[in-house]
């Protein structure tokens, strides 16, 4: 089974690491829109997964949610999408846990990224009719 970290890449703009991107489907990655600093169509977007870099372009975005969907240009080595798991809680009184891996621009020395985890204390169910 692939590690979820293998589906998380270092987002680069003009050769500089600016954040993280997560493969969410074949050839599609999700990132934070604020990484692009307001640029409508930034050039030279690349995502580094391990030792392999992929060109990417923004295909959709939502400023209210601070998300950007990127089309990843395929090459010989494509990362698998992030494995998403939904497991019913054995004990509903125990809050669910989460784990994320990324490349925060505020920690440029984290060349392998960092992993953080925590507990979901509140869940909003009425955001964009979801």
Protein backbone atom coordinates (compact mmCIF):
# COMPACT_ATOMS: atom_id res chain seq x y z
CA UNK A 1 0.00 0.00 0.00
CA UNK A 2 1.47 3.41 -0.95
CA UNK A 3 2.28 5.88 1.80
CA UNK A 4 0.04 8.96 1.76
CA UNK A 5 3.16 11.15 1.84
CA UNK A 6 4.00 9.92 -1.69
CA UNK A 7 0.85 11.66 -2.96
CA UNK A 8 1.88 15.04 -1.52
CA UNK A 9 4.21 17.23 -3.55
CA UNK A 10 6.23 20.39 -3.08
CA UNK A 11 4.49 23.16 -5.03
CA UNK A 12 6.99 25.36 -6.87
CA UNK A 13 6.45 28.67 -8.63
CA UNK A 14 9.31 29.95 -10.80
CA UNK A 15 11.63 27.46 -9.07
CA UNK A 16 10.77 28.45 -5.48
CA UNK A 17 8.98 26.18 -3.02
CA UNK A 18 5.72 27.90 -2.03
CA UNK A 19 3.58 25.19 -0.43
CA UNK A 20 2.04 21.75 -0.92
CA UNK A 21 -0.14 20.06 -3.51
CA UNK A 22 -2.08 16.82 -3.03
CA UNK A 23 -2.91 14.45 -5.88
CA UNK A 24 -6.67 13.93 -5.55
CA UNK A 25 -7.33 12.13 -8.86
CA UNK A 26 -5.22 10.99 -11.79
CA UNK A 27 -3.65 14.16 -13.25
CA UNK A 28 -5.40 16.48 -10.72
CA UNK A 29 -3.86 18.08 -7.65
CA UNK A 30 -5.35 20.37 -4.99
CA UNK A 31 -3.54 23.23 -3.28
CA UNK A 32 -4.25 26.50 -1.46
CA UNK A 33 -5.06 29.42 -3.74
CA UNK A 34 -3.15 31.85 -1.50
CA UNK A 35 0.10 30.11 -2.55
CA UNK A 36 -0.10 32.04 -5.83
CA UNK A 37 -0.33 35.44 -4.15
CA UNK A 38 -3.27 36.62 -6.23
CA UNK A 39 -1.75 35.84 -9.63
CA UNK A 40 -4.57 34.90 -12.04
CA UNK A 41 -2.54 32.60 -14.28
CA UNK A 42 0.89 32.13 -12.75
CA UNK A 43 3.53 30.71 -15.05
CA UNK A 44 6.07 28.01 -14.34
CA UNK A 45 3.98 26.02 -11.84
CA UNK A 46 5.69 22.75 -11.01
CA UNK A 47 5.01 20.07 -8.43
CA UNK A 48 7.86 17.92 -7.12
CA UNK A 49 6.85 14.42 -6.04
CA UNK A 50 10.00 12.76 -4.70
CA UNK A 51 12.70 13.26 -7.34
CA UNK A 52 10.25 13.88 -10.20
CA UNK A 53 8.91 17.31 -11.19
CA UNK A 54 5.65 17.81 -13.07
CA UNK A 55 4.40 20.93 -14.85
CA UNK A 56 0.91 22.02 -13.78
CA UNK A 57 -1.73 24.61 -14.64
CA UNK A 58 -4.65 26.00 -12.64
CA UNK A 59 -7.92 24.67 -14.07
CA UNK A 60 -10.31 25.91 -11.36
CA UNK A 61 -10.22 27.83 -8.10
CA UNK A 62 -12.45 29.12 -5.31
CA UNK A 63 -11.26 32.17 -3.38
CA UNK A 64 -13.85 31.67 -0.60
CA UNK A 65 -12.49 28.18 0.10
CA UNK A 66 -8.86 29.18 -0.68
CA UNK A 67 -8.41 26.21 -3.03
CA UNK A 68 -6.97 25.76 -6.51
CA UNK A 69 -7.35 22.67 -8.68
CA UNK A 70 -4.32 21.95 -10.85
CA UNK A 71 -4.03 19.76 -13.93
CA UNK A 72 -0.73 17.88 -13.64
CA UNK A 73 1.05 17.22 -16.92
CA UNK A 74 1.74 13.48 -16.98
CA UNK A 75 5.19 12.03 -17.49
CA UNK A 76 6.76 8.60 -16.98
CA UNK A 77 6.32 8.56 -13.19
CA UNK A 78 2.93 9.70 -11.91
CA UNK A 79 2.07 9.78 -8.19
CA UNK A 80 -1.07 8.01 -7.05
CA UNK A 81 -3.94 10.10 -5.64
CA UNK A 82 -4.07 10.55 -1.86
CA UNK A 83 -5.71 7.50 -0.33
CA UNK A 84 -8.80 8.79 1.46
CA UNK A 85 -10.29 6.61 4.15
CA UNK A 86 -13.57 7.01 5.96
CA UNK A 87 -13.96 4.70 8.90
CA UNK A 88 -16.96 4.68 11.21
CA UNK A 89 -16.01 5.48 14.76
CA UNK A 90 -16.00 2.50 17.08
CA UNK A 91 -17.04 4.89 19.85
CA UNK A 92 -18.98 7.97 18.60
CA UNK A 93 -18.08 9.85 21.79
CA UNK A 94 -14.38 9.81 20.75
CA UNK A 95 -13.53 12.59 18.25
CA UNK A 96 -11.97 11.39 14.98
CA UNK A 97 -8.25 11.91 14.36
CA UNK A 98 -6.62 13.38 11.25
CA UNK A 99 -3.15 13.40 9.71
CA UNK A 100 -1.70 15.61 6.96
CA UNK A 101 1.65 15.88 5.22
CA UNK A 102 2.92 18.98 3.44
CA UNK A 103 5.66 21.43 2.54
CA UNK A 104 4.89 24.69 4.36
CA UNK A 105 6.63 27.71 2.84
CA UNK A 106 7.31 28.95 6.38
CA UNK A 107 9.64 25.97 6.95
CA UNK A 108 11.87 25.95 3.84
CA UNK A 109 14.39 23.53 5.42
CA UNK A 110 11.77 20.76 5.58
CA UNK A 111 12.93 19.25 2.28
CA UNK A 112 11.05 15.99 2.96
CA UNK A 113 7.99 17.86 4.23
CA UNK A 114 6.40 17.59 7.65
CA UNK A 115 3.52 15.51 9.01
CA UNK A 116 1.05 16.92 11.52
CA UNK A 117 -1.94 15.30 13.16
CA UNK A 118 -4.73 16.14 15.53
CA UNK A 119 -8.34 15.62 16.53
CA UNK A 120 -11.44 16.90 14.72
CA UNK A 121 -13.31 18.92 17.35
CA UNK A 122 -15.92 20.55 15.12
CA UNK A 123 -17.28 19.82 11.64
CA UNK A 124 -19.19 22.31 9.48
CA UNK A 125 -21.80 20.50 7.38
CA UNK A 126 -23.38 23.46 5.64
CA UNK A 127 -20.52 24.81 3.54
CA UNK A 128 -21.43 25.16 -0.13
CA UNK A 129 -24.40 22.83 0.41
CA UNK A 130 -22.14 19.94 1.40
